[in-house]
ModelCIF file with pLDDT and N, C-alpha, C, O atoms, coordinates in Angstrom:
data_MODEL
#
_entry.id   MODEL 
#
_entity.id                         1 
_entity.type                       polymer 
_entity.pdbx_number_of_molecules   1 
#
_entity_poly.entity_id                      1 
_entity_poly.type                           'polypeptide(L)' 
_entity_poly.nstd_linkage                   no 
_entity_poly.nstd_monomer                   no 
_entity_poly.pdbx_seq_one_letter_code       GGSTVYADSVKGRFTISRDNAKNTVNLQMNSLKPEDTGVYSCAADAQ 
_entity_poly.pdbx_seq_one_letter_code_can   GGSTVYADSVKGRFTISRDNAKNTVNLQMNSLKPEDTGVYSCAADAQ 
_entity_poly.pdbx_strand_id                 A 
#
loop_
_entity_poly_seq.entity_id 
_entity_poly_seq.num 
_entity_poly_seq.mon_id 
_entity_poly_seq.hetero 
1 1  GLY n 
1 2  GLY n 
1 3  SER n 
1 4  THR n 
1 5  VAL n 
1 6  TYR n 
1 7  ALA n 
1 8  ASP n 
1 9  SER n 
1 10 VAL n 
1 11 LYS n 
1 12 GLY n 
1 13 ARG n 
1 14 PHE n 
1 15 THR n 
1 16 ILE n 
1 17 SER n 
1 18 ARG n 
1 19 ASP n 
1 20 ASN n 
1 21 ALA n 
1 22 LYS n 
1 23 ASN n 
1 24 THR n 
1 25 VAL n 
1 26 ASN n 
1 27 LEU n 
1 28 GLN n 
1 29 MET n 
1 30 ASN n 
1 31 SER n 
1 32 LEU n 
1 33 LYS n 
1 34 PRO n 
1 35 GLU n 
1 36 ASP n 
1 37 THR n 
1 38 GLY n 
1 39 VAL n 
1 40 TYR n 
1 41 SER n 
1 42 CYS n 
1 43 ALA n 
1 44 ALA n 
1 45 ASP n 
1 46 ALA n 
1 47 GLN n 
#
_struct_asym.id          A 
_struct_asym.entity_id   1 
#
loop_
_ma_qa_metric.id 
_ma_qa_metric.mode 
_ma_qa_metric.name 
_ma_qa_metric.software_group_id 
_ma_qa_metric.type 
1 global pLDDT . pLDDT 
2 local  pLDDT . pLDDT 
#
_ma_qa_metric_global.metric_id      1 
_ma_qa_metric_global.metric_value   93.26 
_ma_qa_metric_global.model_id       1 
_ma_qa_metric_global.ordinal_id     1 
#
loop_
_ma_qa_metric_local.label_asym_id 
_ma_qa_metric_local.label_comp_id 
_ma_qa_metric_local.label_seq_id 
_ma_qa_metric_local.metric_id 
_ma_qa_metric_local.metric_value 
_ma_qa_metric_local.model_id 
_ma_qa_metric_local.ordinal_id 
A GLY 1  2 66.00 1 1  
A GLY 2  2 76.00 1 2  
A SER 3  2 88.00 1 3  
A THR 4  2 94.00 1 4  
A VAL 5  2 95.00 1 5  
A TYR 6  2 97.00 1 6  
A ALA 7  2 98.00 1 7  
A ASP 8  2 97.00 1 8  
A SER 9  2 97.00 1 9  
A VAL 10 2 98.00 1 10 
A LYS 11 2 97.00 1 11 
A GLY 12 2 98.00 1 12 
A ARG 13 2 98.00 1 13 
A PHE 14 2 98.00 1 14 
A THR 15 2 98.00 1 15 
A ILE 16 2 96.00 1 16 
A SER 17 2 93.00 1 17 
A ARG 18 2 89.00 1 18 
A ASP 19 2 87.00 1 19 
A ASN 20 2 79.00 1 20 
A ALA 21 2 83.00 1 21 
A LYS 22 2 86.00 1 22 
A ASN 23 2 88.00 1 23 
A THR 24 2 92.00 1 24 
A VAL 25 2 93.00 1 25 
A ASN 26 2 96.00 1 26 
A LEU 27 2 98.00 1 27 
A GLN 28 2 98.00 1 28 
A MET 29 2 98.00 1 29 
A ASN 30 2 98.00 1 30 
A SER 31 2 98.00 1 31 
A LEU 32 2 98.00 1 32 
A LYS 33 2 98.00 1 33 
A PRO 34 2 97.00 1 34 
A GLU 35 2 96.00 1 35 
A ASP 36 2 98.00 1 36 
A THR 37 2 98.00 1 37 
A GLY 38 2 98.00 1 38 
A VAL 39 2 98.00 1 39 
A TYR 40 2 98.00 1 40 
A SER 41 2 98.00 1 41 
A CYS 42 2 97.00 1 42 
A ALA 43 2 96.00 1 43 
A ALA 44 2 93.00 1 44 
A ASP 45 2 90.00 1 45 
A ALA 46 2 86.00 1 46 
A GLN 47 2 77.00 1 47 
#
loop_
_atom_site.group_PDB 
_atom_site.id 
_atom_site.type_symbol 
_atom_site.label_atom_id 
_atom_site.label_alt_id 
_atom_site.label_comp_id 
_atom_site.label_asym_id 
_atom_site.label_entity_id 
_atom_site.label_seq_id 
_atom_site.pdbx_PDB_ins_code 
_atom_site.Cartn_x 
_atom_site.Cartn_y 
_atom_site.Cartn_z 
_atom_site.occupancy 
_atom_site.B_iso_or_equiv 
_atom_site.pdbx_formal_charge 
_atom_site.auth_seq_id 
_atom_site.auth_comp_id 
_atom_site.auth_asym_id 
_atom_site.auth_atom_id 
_atom_site.pdbx_PDB_model_num 
ATOM 1   N N  . GLY A 1 1  ? 27.891 -58.999 -146.026 1.00 66.00 ? 1  GLY A N  1 
ATOM 2   C CA . GLY A 1 1  ? 27.287 -59.313 -144.754 1.00 66.00 ? 1  GLY A CA 1 
ATOM 3   C C  . GLY A 1 1  ? 25.856 -58.834 -144.606 1.00 66.00 ? 1  GLY A C  1 
ATOM 4   O O  . GLY A 1 1  ? 25.274 -58.922 -143.525 1.00 66.00 ? 1  GLY A O  1 
ATOM 5   N N  . GLY A 1 2  ? 25.284 -58.322 -145.702 1.00 76.00 ? 2  GLY A N  1 
ATOM 6   C CA . GLY A 1 2  ? 23.951 -57.769 -145.659 1.00 76.00 ? 2  GLY A CA 1 
ATOM 7   C C  . GLY A 1 2  ? 22.862 -58.803 -145.841 1.00 76.00 ? 2  GLY A C  1 
ATOM 8   O O  . GLY A 1 2  ? 23.080 -60.002 -145.672 1.00 76.00 ? 2  GLY A O  1 
ATOM 9   N N  . SER A 1 3  ? 21.696 -58.317 -146.184 1.00 88.00 ? 3  SER A N  1 
ATOM 10  C CA . SER A 1 3  ? 20.535 -59.165 -146.323 1.00 88.00 ? 3  SER A CA 1 
ATOM 11  C C  . SER A 1 3  ? 20.662 -60.096 -147.522 1.00 88.00 ? 3  SER A C  1 
ATOM 12  O O  . SER A 1 3  ? 21.418 -59.831 -148.457 1.00 88.00 ? 3  SER A O  1 
ATOM 13  N N  . THR A 1 4  ? 19.916 -61.181 -147.476 1.00 94.00 ? 4  THR A N  1 
ATOM 14  C CA . THR A 1 4  ? 19.865 -62.131 -148.575 1.00 94.00 ? 4  THR A CA 1 
ATOM 15  C C  . THR A 1 4  ? 18.469 -62.170 -149.156 1.00 94.00 ? 4  THR A C  1 
ATOM 16  O O  . THR A 1 4  ? 17.491 -61.872 -148.471 1.00 94.00 ? 4  THR A O  1 
ATOM 17  N N  . VAL A 1 5  ? 18.382 -62.538 -150.415 1.00 95.00 ? 5  VAL A N  1 
ATOM 18  C CA . VAL A 1 5  ? 17.106 -62.663 -151.084 1.00 95.00 ? 5  VAL A CA 1 
ATOM 19  C C  . VAL A 1 5  ? 17.184 -63.860 -152.021 1.00 95.00 ? 5  VAL A C  1 
ATOM 20  O O  . VAL A 1 5  ? 18.226 -64.115 -152.625 1.00 95.00 ? 5  VAL A O  1 
ATOM 21  N N  . TYR A 1 6  ? 16.074 -64.597 -152.143 1.00 97.00 ? 6  TYR A N  1 
ATOM 22  C CA . TYR A 1 6  ? 16.039 -65.811 -152.931 1.00 97.00 ? 6  TYR A CA 1 
ATOM 23  C C  . TYR A 1 6  ? 14.829 -65.837 -153.842 1.00 97.00 ? 6  TYR A C  1 
ATOM 24  O O  . TYR A 1 6  ? 13.773 -65.294 -153.515 1.00 97.00 ? 6  TYR A O  1 
ATOM 25  N N  . ALA A 1 7  ? 14.995 -66.472 -154.982 1.00 98.00 ? 7  ALA A N  1 
ATOM 26  C CA . ALA A 1 7  ? 13.850 -66.767 -155.820 1.00 98.00 ? 7  ALA A CA 1 
ATOM 27  C C  . ALA A 1 7  ? 12.940 -67.749 -155.092 1.00 98.00 ? 7  ALA A C  1 
ATOM 28  O O  . ALA A 1 7  ? 13.413 -68.611 -154.351 1.00 98.00 ? 7  ALA A O  1 
ATOM 29  N N  . ASP A 1 8  ? 11.642 -67.617 -155.304 1.00 97.00 ? 8  ASP A N  1 
ATOM 30  C CA . ASP A 1 8  ? 10.699 -68.519 -154.651 1.00 97.00 ? 8  ASP A CA 1 
ATOM 31  C C  . ASP A 1 8  ? 11.000 -69.982 -154.978 1.00 97.00 ? 8  ASP A C  1 
ATOM 32  O O  . ASP A 1 8  ? 10.796 -70.863 -154.143 1.00 97.00 ? 8  ASP A O  1 
ATOM 33  N N  . SER A 1 9  ? 11.475 -70.231 -156.172 1.00 97.00 ? 9  SER A N  1 
ATOM 34  C CA . SER A 1 9  ? 11.705 -71.595 -156.619 1.00 97.00 ? 9  SER A CA 1 
ATOM 35  C C  . SER A 1 9  ? 12.839 -72.290 -155.882 1.00 97.00 ? 9  SER A C  1 
ATOM 36  O O  . SER A 1 9  ? 12.914 -73.519 -155.889 1.00 97.00 ? 9  SER A O  1 
ATOM 37  N N  . VAL A 1 10 ? 13.724 -71.525 -155.244 1.00 98.00 ? 10 VAL A N  1 
ATOM 38  C CA . VAL A 1 10 ? 14.866 -72.128 -154.559 1.00 98.00 ? 10 VAL A CA 1 
ATOM 39  C C  . VAL A 1 10 ? 14.857 -71.874 -153.065 1.00 98.00 ? 10 VAL A C  1 
ATOM 40  O O  . VAL A 1 10 ? 15.699 -72.415 -152.348 1.00 98.00 ? 10 VAL A O  1 
ATOM 41  N N  . LYS A 1 11 ? 13.941 -71.077 -152.586 1.00 97.00 ? 11 LYS A N  1 
ATOM 42  C CA . LYS A 1 11 ? 13.889 -70.730 -151.170 1.00 97.00 ? 11 LYS A CA 1 
ATOM 43  C C  . LYS A 1 11 ? 13.760 -71.988 -150.324 1.00 97.00 ? 11 LYS A C  1 
ATOM 44  O O  . LYS A 1 11 ? 12.937 -72.860 -150.600 1.00 97.00 ? 11 LYS A O  1 
ATOM 45  N N  . GLY A 1 12 ? 14.580 -72.065 -149.299 1.00 98.00 ? 12 GLY A N  1 
ATOM 46  C CA . GLY A 1 12 ? 14.582 -73.223 -148.427 1.00 98.00 ? 12 GLY A CA 1 
ATOM 47  C C  . GLY A 1 12 ? 15.491 -74.336 -148.888 1.00 98.00 ? 12 GLY A C  1 
ATOM 48  O O  . GLY A 1 12 ? 15.759 -75.265 -148.126 1.00 98.00 ? 12 GLY A O  1 
ATOM 49  N N  . ARG A 1 13 ? 15.977 -74.266 -150.126 1.00 98.00 ? 13 ARG A N  1 
ATOM 50  C CA . ARG A 1 13 ? 16.869 -75.289 -150.662 1.00 98.00 ? 13 ARG A CA 1 
ATOM 51  C C  . ARG A 1 13 ? 18.277 -74.764 -150.924 1.00 98.00 ? 13 ARG A C  1 
ATOM 52  O O  . ARG A 1 13 ? 19.258 -75.488 -150.757 1.00 98.00 ? 13 ARG A O  1 
ATOM 53  N N  . PHE A 1 14 ? 18.369 -73.510 -151.334 1.00 98.00 ? 14 PHE A N  1 
ATOM 54  C CA . PHE A 1 14 ? 19.657 -72.902 -151.671 1.00 98.00 ? 14 PHE A CA 1 
ATOM 55  C C  . PHE A 1 14 ? 20.040 -71.887 -150.611 1.00 98.00 ? 14 PHE A C  1 
ATOM 56  O O  . PHE A 1 14 ? 19.176 -71.257 -150.001 1.00 98.00 ? 14 PHE A O  1 
ATOM 57  N N  . THR A 1 15 ? 21.344 -71.729 -150.392 1.00 98.00 ? 15 THR A N  1 
ATOM 58  C CA . THR A 1 15 ? 21.854 -70.752 -149.451 1.00 98.00 ? 15 THR A CA 1 
ATOM 59  C C  . THR A 1 15 ? 23.043 -70.024 -150.066 1.00 98.00 ? 15 THR A C  1 
ATOM 60  O O  . THR A 1 15 ? 24.003 -70.656 -150.508 1.00 98.00 ? 15 THR A O  1 
ATOM 61  N N  . ILE A 1 16 ? 22.978 -68.705 -150.092 1.00 96.00 ? 16 ILE A N  1 
ATOM 62  C CA . ILE A 1 16 ? 24.093 -67.899 -150.567 1.00 96.00 ? 16 ILE A CA 1 
ATOM 63  C C  . ILE A 1 16 ? 24.897 -67.426 -149.367 1.00 96.00 ? 16 ILE A C  1 
ATOM 64  O O  . ILE A 1 16 ? 24.332 -67.090 -148.326 1.00 96.00 ? 16 ILE A O  1 
ATOM 65  N N  . SER A 1 17 ? 26.207 -67.401 -149.513 1.00 93.00 ? 17 SER A N  1 
ATOM 66  C CA . SER A 1 17 ? 27.067 -66.958 -148.431 1.00 93.00 ? 17 SER A CA 1 
ATOM 67  C C  . SER A 1 17 ? 28.333 -66.340 -149.002 1.00 93.00 ? 17 SER A C  1 
ATOM 68  O O  . SER A 1 17 ? 28.673 -66.553 -150.166 1.00 93.00 ? 17 SER A O  1 
ATOM 69  N N  . ARG A 1 18 ? 29.018 -65.581 -148.176 1.00 89.00 ? 18 ARG A N  1 
ATOM 70  C CA . ARG A 1 18 ? 30.284 -64.966 -148.558 1.00 89.00 ? 18 ARG A CA 1 
ATOM 71  C C  . ARG A 1 18 ? 31.356 -65.384 -147.569 1.00 89.00 ? 18 ARG A C  1 
ATOM 72  O O  . ARG A 1 18 ? 31.102 -65.535 -146.374 1.00 89.00 ? 18 ARG A O  1 
ATOM 73  N N  . ASP A 1 19 ? 32.545 -65.567 -148.086 1.00 87.00 ? 19 ASP A N  1 
ATOM 74  C CA . ASP A 1 19 ? 33.714 -65.817 -147.258 1.00 87.00 ? 19 ASP A CA 1 
ATOM 75  C C  . ASP A 1 19 ? 34.737 -64.759 -147.645 1.00 87.00 ? 19 ASP A C  1 
ATOM 76  O O  . ASP A 1 19 ? 35.490 -64.931 -148.604 1.00 87.00 ? 19 ASP A O  1 
ATOM 77  N N  . ASN A 1 20 ? 34.759 -63.671 -146.897 1.00 79.00 ? 20 ASN A N  1 
ATOM 78  C CA . ASN A 1 20 ? 35.637 -62.564 -147.243 1.00 79.00 ? 20 ASN A CA 1 
ATOM 79  C C  . ASN A 1 20 ? 37.114 -62.943 -147.149 1.00 79.00 ? 20 ASN A C  1 
ATOM 80  O O  . ASN A 1 20 ? 37.933 -62.446 -147.921 1.00 79.00 ? 20 ASN A O  1 
ATOM 81  N N  . ALA A 1 21 ? 37.450 -63.814 -146.215 1.00 83.00 ? 21 ALA A N  1 
ATOM 82  C CA . ALA A 1 21 ? 38.839 -64.230 -146.062 1.00 83.00 ? 21 ALA A CA 1 
ATOM 83  C C  . ALA A 1 21 ? 39.340 -64.970 -147.292 1.00 83.00 ? 21 ALA A C  1 
ATOM 84  O O  . ALA A 1 21 ? 40.508 -64.846 -147.659 1.00 83.00 ? 21 ALA A O  1 
ATOM 85  N N  . LYS A 1 22 ? 38.463 -65.740 -147.932 1.00 86.00 ? 22 LYS A N  1 
ATOM 86  C CA . LYS A 1 22 ? 38.832 -66.514 -149.110 1.00 86.00 ? 22 LYS A CA 1 
ATOM 87  C C  . LYS A 1 22 ? 38.423 -65.844 -150.412 1.00 86.00 ? 22 LYS A C  1 
ATOM 88  O O  . LYS A 1 22 ? 38.678 -66.372 -151.494 1.00 86.00 ? 22 LYS A O  1 
ATOM 89  N N  . ASN A 1 23 ? 37.794 -64.691 -150.311 1.00 88.00 ? 23 ASN A N  1 
ATOM 90  C CA . ASN A 1 23 ? 37.347 -63.953 -151.489 1.00 88.00 ? 23 ASN A CA 1 
ATOM 91  C C  . ASN A 1 23 ? 36.436 -64.795 -152.379 1.00 88.00 ? 23 ASN A C  1 
ATOM 92  O O  . ASN A 1 23 ? 36.617 -64.857 -153.595 1.00 88.00 ? 23 ASN A O  1 
ATOM 93  N N  . THR A 1 24 ? 35.467 -65.435 -151.758 1.00 92.00 ? 24 THR A N  1 
ATOM 94  C CA . THR A 1 24 ? 34.527 -66.251 -152.507 1.00 92.00 ? 24 THR A CA 1 
ATOM 95  C C  . THR A 1 24 ? 33.094 -65.941 -152.108 1.00 92.00 ? 24 THR A C  1 
ATOM 96  O O  . THR A 1 24 ? 32.815 -65.526 -150.983 1.00 92.00 ? 24 THR A O  1 
ATOM 97  N N  . VAL A 1 25 ? 32.203 -66.152 -153.049 1.00 93.00 ? 25 VAL A N  1 
ATOM 98  C CA . VAL A 1 25 ? 30.773 -66.151 -152.818 1.00 93.00 ? 25 VAL A CA 1 
ATOM 99  C C  . VAL A 1 25 ? 30.273 -67.537 -153.188 1.00 93.00 ? 25 VAL A C  1 
ATOM 100 O O  . VAL A 1 25 ? 30.566 -68.041 -154.272 1.00 93.00 ? 25 VAL A O  1 
ATOM 101 N N  . ASN A 1 26 ? 29.527 -68.143 -152.298 1.00 96.00 ? 26 ASN A N  1 
ATOM 102 C CA . ASN A 1 26 ? 29.134 -69.534 -152.470 1.00 96.00 ? 26 ASN A CA 1 
ATOM 103 C C  . ASN A 1 26 ? 27.627 -69.678 -152.613 1.00 96.00 ? 26 ASN A C  1 
ATOM 104 O O  . ASN A 1 26 ? 26.853 -68.850 -152.133 1.00 96.00 ? 26 ASN A O  1 
ATOM 105 N N  . LEU A 1 27 ? 27.239 -70.739 -153.279 1.00 98.00 ? 27 LEU A N  1 
ATOM 106 C CA . LEU A 1 27 ? 25.833 -71.096 -153.383 1.00 98.00 ? 27 LEU A CA 1 
ATOM 107 C C  . LEU A 1 27 ? 25.706 -72.577 -153.062 1.00 98.00 ? 27 LEU A C  1 
ATOM 108 O O  . LEU A 1 27 ? 26.072 -73.430 -153.871 1.00 98.00 ? 27 LEU A O  1 
ATOM 109 N N  . GLN A 1 28 ? 25.191 -72.873 -151.886 1.00 98.00 ? 28 GLN A N  1 
ATOM 110 C CA . GLN A 1 28 ? 24.928 -74.247 -151.497 1.00 98.00 ? 28 GLN A CA 1 
ATOM 111 C C  . GLN A 1 28 ? 23.554 -74.632 -152.014 1.00 98.00 ? 28 GLN A C  1 
ATOM 112 O O  . GLN A 1 28 ? 22.563 -73.976 -151.694 1.00 98.00 ? 28 GLN A O  1 
ATOM 113 N N  . MET A 1 29 ? 23.486 -75.687 -152.808 1.00 98.00 ? 29 MET A N  1 
ATOM 114 C CA . MET A 1 29 ? 22.247 -76.111 -153.435 1.00 98.00 ? 29 MET A CA 1 
ATOM 115 C C  . MET A 1 29 ? 21.910 -77.514 -152.955 1.00 98.00 ? 29 MET A C  1 
ATOM 116 O O  . MET A 1 29 ? 22.645 -78.465 -153.217 1.00 98.00 ? 29 MET A O  1 
ATOM 117 N N  . ASN A 1 30 ? 20.803 -77.631 -152.257 1.00 98.00 ? 30 ASN A N  1 
ATOM 118 C CA . ASN A 1 30 ? 20.343 -78.905 -151.730 1.00 98.00 ? 30 ASN A CA 1 
ATOM 119 C C  . ASN A 1 30 ? 19.020 -79.291 -152.376 1.00 98.00 ? 30 ASN A C  1 
ATOM 120 O O  . ASN A 1 30 ? 18.336 -78.456 -152.969 1.00 98.00 ? 30 ASN A O  1 
ATOM 121 N N  . SER A 1 31 ? 18.674 -80.552 -152.255 1.00 98.00 ? 31 SER A N  1 
ATOM 122 C CA . SER A 1 31 ? 17.405 -81.065 -152.781 1.00 98.00 ? 31 SER A CA 1 
ATOM 123 C C  . SER A 1 31 ? 17.197 -80.638 -154.228 1.00 98.00 ? 31 SER A C  1 
ATOM 124 O O  . SER A 1 31 ? 16.136 -80.129 -154.590 1.00 98.00 ? 31 SER A O  1 
ATOM 125 N N  . LEU A 1 32 ? 18.202 -80.845 -155.034 1.00 98.00 ? 32 LEU A N  1 
ATOM 126 C CA . LEU A 1 32 ? 18.168 -80.371 -156.412 1.00 98.00 ? 32 LEU A CA 1 
ATOM 127 C C  . LEU A 1 32 ? 17.093 -81.082 -157.225 1.00 98.00 ? 32 LEU A C  1 
ATOM 128 O O  . LEU A 1 32 ? 16.809 -82.263 -157.025 1.00 98.00 ? 32 LEU A O  1 
ATOM 129 N N  . LYS A 1 33 ? 16.510 -80.329 -158.143 1.00 98.00 ? 33 LYS A N  1 
ATOM 130 C CA . LYS A 1 33 ? 15.462 -80.806 -159.024 1.00 98.00 ? 33 LYS A CA 1 
ATOM 131 C C  . LYS A 1 33 ? 15.914 -80.660 -160.474 1.00 98.00 ? 33 LYS A C  1 
ATOM 132 O O  . LYS A 1 33 ? 16.777 -79.832 -160.766 1.00 98.00 ? 33 LYS A O  1 
ATOM 133 N N  . PRO A 1 34 ? 15.348 -81.448 -161.384 1.00 97.00 ? 34 PRO A N  1 
ATOM 134 C CA . PRO A 1 34 ? 15.697 -81.274 -162.799 1.00 97.00 ? 34 PRO A CA 1 
ATOM 135 C C  . PRO A 1 34 ? 15.484 -79.843 -163.287 1.00 97.00 ? 34 PRO A C  1 
ATOM 136 O O  . PRO A 1 34 ? 16.217 -79.378 -164.160 1.00 97.00 ? 34 PRO A O  1 
ATOM 137 N N  . GLU A 1 35 ? 14.505 -79.146 -162.744 1.00 96.00 ? 35 GLU A N  1 
ATOM 138 C CA . GLU A 1 35 ? 14.241 -77.764 -163.124 1.00 96.00 ? 35 GLU A CA 1 
ATOM 139 C C  . GLU A 1 35 ? 15.363 -76.813 -162.733 1.00 96.00 ? 35 GLU A C  1 
ATOM 140 O O  . GLU A 1 35 ? 15.400 -75.678 -163.208 1.00 96.00 ? 35 GLU A O  1 
ATOM 141 N N  . ASP A 1 36 ? 16.274 -77.255 -161.878 1.00 98.00 ? 36 ASP A N  1 
ATOM 142 C CA . ASP A 1 36 ? 17.416 -76.437 -161.487 1.00 98.00 ? 36 ASP A CA 1 
ATOM 143 C C  . ASP A 1 36 ? 18.536 -76.469 -162.514 1.00 98.00 ? 36 ASP A C  1 
ATOM 144 O O  . ASP A 1 36 ? 19.513 -75.732 -162.381 1.00 98.00 ? 36 ASP A O  1 
ATOM 145 N N  . THR A 1 37 ? 18.414 -77.299 -163.523 1.00 98.00 ? 37 THR A N  1 
ATOM 146 C CA . THR A 1 37 ? 19.446 -77.428 -164.543 1.00 98.00 ? 37 THR A CA 1 
ATOM 147 C C  . THR A 1 37 ? 19.659 -76.105 -165.272 1.00 98.00 ? 37 THR A C  1 
ATOM 148 O O  . THR A 1 37 ? 18.700 -75.422 -165.630 1.00 98.00 ? 37 THR A O  1 
ATOM 149 N N  . GLY A 1 38 ? 20.913 -75.755 -165.487 1.00 98.00 ? 38 GLY A N  1 
ATOM 150 C CA . GLY A 1 38 ? 21.234 -74.555 -166.226 1.00 98.00 ? 38 GLY A CA 1 
ATOM 151 C C  . GLY A 1 38 ? 22.669 -74.141 -165.998 1.00 98.00 ? 38 GLY A C  1 
ATOM 152 O O  . GLY A 1 38 ? 23.404 -74.771 -165.238 1.00 98.00 ? 38 GLY A O  1 
ATOM 153 N N  . VAL A 1 39 ? 23.053 -73.080 -166.665 1.00 98.00 ? 39 VAL A N  1 
ATOM 154 C CA . VAL A 1 39 ? 24.361 -72.474 -166.454 1.00 98.00 ? 39 VAL A CA 1 
ATOM 155 C C  . VAL A 1 39 ? 24.215 -71.432 -165.356 1.00 98.00 ? 39 VAL A C  1 
ATOM 156 O O  . VAL A 1 39 ? 23.430 -70.492 -165.477 1.00 98.00 ? 39 VAL A O  1 
ATOM 157 N N  . TYR A 1 40 ? 24.969 -71.608 -164.300 1.00 98.00 ? 40 TYR A N  1 
ATOM 158 C CA . TYR A 1 40 ? 24.901 -70.716 -163.143 1.00 98.00 ? 40 TYR A CA 1 
ATOM 159 C C  . TYR A 1 40 ? 26.039 -69.712 -163.208 1.00 98.00 ? 40 TYR A C  1 
ATOM 160 O O  . TYR A 1 40 ? 27.203 -70.085 -163.355 1.00 98.00 ? 40 TYR A O  1 
ATOM 161 N N  . SER A 1 41 ? 25.695 -68.436 -163.098 1.00 98.00 ? 41 SER A N  1 
ATOM 162 C CA . SER A 1 41 ? 26.673 -67.364 -163.150 1.00 98.00 ? 41 SER A CA 1 
ATOM 163 C C  . SER A 1 41 ? 26.583 -66.503 -161.905 1.00 98.00 ? 41 SER A C  1 
ATOM 164 O O  . SER A 1 41 ? 25.493 -66.242 -161.397 1.00 98.00 ? 41 SER A O  1 
ATOM 165 N N  . CYS A 1 42 ? 27.725 -66.068 -161.420 1.00 97.00 ? 42 CYS A N  1 
ATOM 166 C CA . CYS A 1 42 ? 27.729 -65.098 -160.342 1.00 97.00 ? 42 CYS A CA 1 
ATOM 167 C C  . CYS A 1 42 ? 27.942 -63.711 -160.921 1.00 97.00 ? 42 CYS A C  1 
ATOM 168 O O  . CYS A 1 42 ? 28.489 -63.558 -162.013 1.00 97.00 ? 42 CYS A O  1 
ATOM 169 N N  . ALA A 1 43 ? 27.509 -62.708 -160.185 1.00 96.00 ? 43 ALA A N  1 
ATOM 170 C CA . ALA A 1 43 ? 27.553 -61.344 -160.667 1.00 96.00 ? 43 ALA A CA 1 
ATOM 171 C C  . ALA A 1 43 ? 27.800 -60.384 -159.515 1.00 96.00 ? 43 ALA A C  1 
ATOM 172 O O  . ALA A 1 43 ? 27.445 -60.661 -158.369 1.00 96.00 ? 43 ALA A O  1 
ATOM 173 N N  . ALA A 1 44 ? 28.408 -59.264 -159.834 1.00 93.00 ? 44 ALA A N  1 
ATOM 174 C CA . ALA A 1 44 ? 28.713 -58.229 -158.855 1.00 93.00 ? 44 ALA A CA 1 
ATOM 175 C C  . ALA A 1 44 ? 28.080 -56.913 -159.284 1.00 93.00 ? 44 ALA A C  1 
ATOM 176 O O  . ALA A 1 44 ? 28.096 -56.555 -160.462 1.00 93.00 ? 44 ALA A O  1 
ATOM 177 N N  . ASP A 1 45 ? 27.531 -56.209 -158.324 1.00 90.00 ? 45 ASP A N  1 
ATOM 178 C CA . ASP A 1 45 ? 26.893 -54.917 -158.548 1.00 90.00 ? 45 ASP A CA 1 
ATOM 179 C C  . ASP A 1 45 ? 27.818 -53.824 -158.027 1.00 90.00 ? 45 ASP A C  1 
ATOM 180 O O  . ASP A 1 45 ? 28.061 -53.733 -156.824 1.00 90.00 ? 45 ASP A O  1 
ATOM 181 N N  . ALA A 1 46 ? 28.329 -53.002 -158.926 1.00 86.00 ? 46 ALA A N  1 
ATOM 182 C CA . ALA A 1 46 ? 29.302 -51.966 -158.564 1.00 86.00 ? 46 ALA A CA 1 
ATOM 183 C C  . ALA A 1 46 ? 28.663 -50.603 -158.325 1.00 86.00 ? 46 ALA A C  1 
ATOM 184 O O  . ALA A 1 46 ? 29.371 -49.596 -158.322 1.00 86.00 ? 46 ALA A O  1 
ATOM 185 N N  . GLN A 1 47 ? 27.370 -50.538 -158.128 1.00 77.00 ? 47 GLN A N  1 
ATOM 186 C CA . GLN A 1 47 ? 26.706 -49.272 -157.838 1.00 77.00 ? 47 GLN A CA 1 
ATOM 187 C C  . GLN A 1 47 ? 27.307 -48.618 -156.599 1.00 77.00 ? 47 GLN A C  1 
ATOM 188 O O  . GLN A 1 47 ? 26.873 -47.538 -156.199 1.00 77.00 ? 47 GLN A O  1 
#
């Protein structure tokens, strides 16, 4: 539920969100560009 941060290249197009009830983290990607192509991985910080 904390702050969000985005790469400049995706700001305004992508949105990260969490659904604690469903135990998911989502990435909504709009206005996709060929430069967005790649393998997308999610990660958790256990600090």
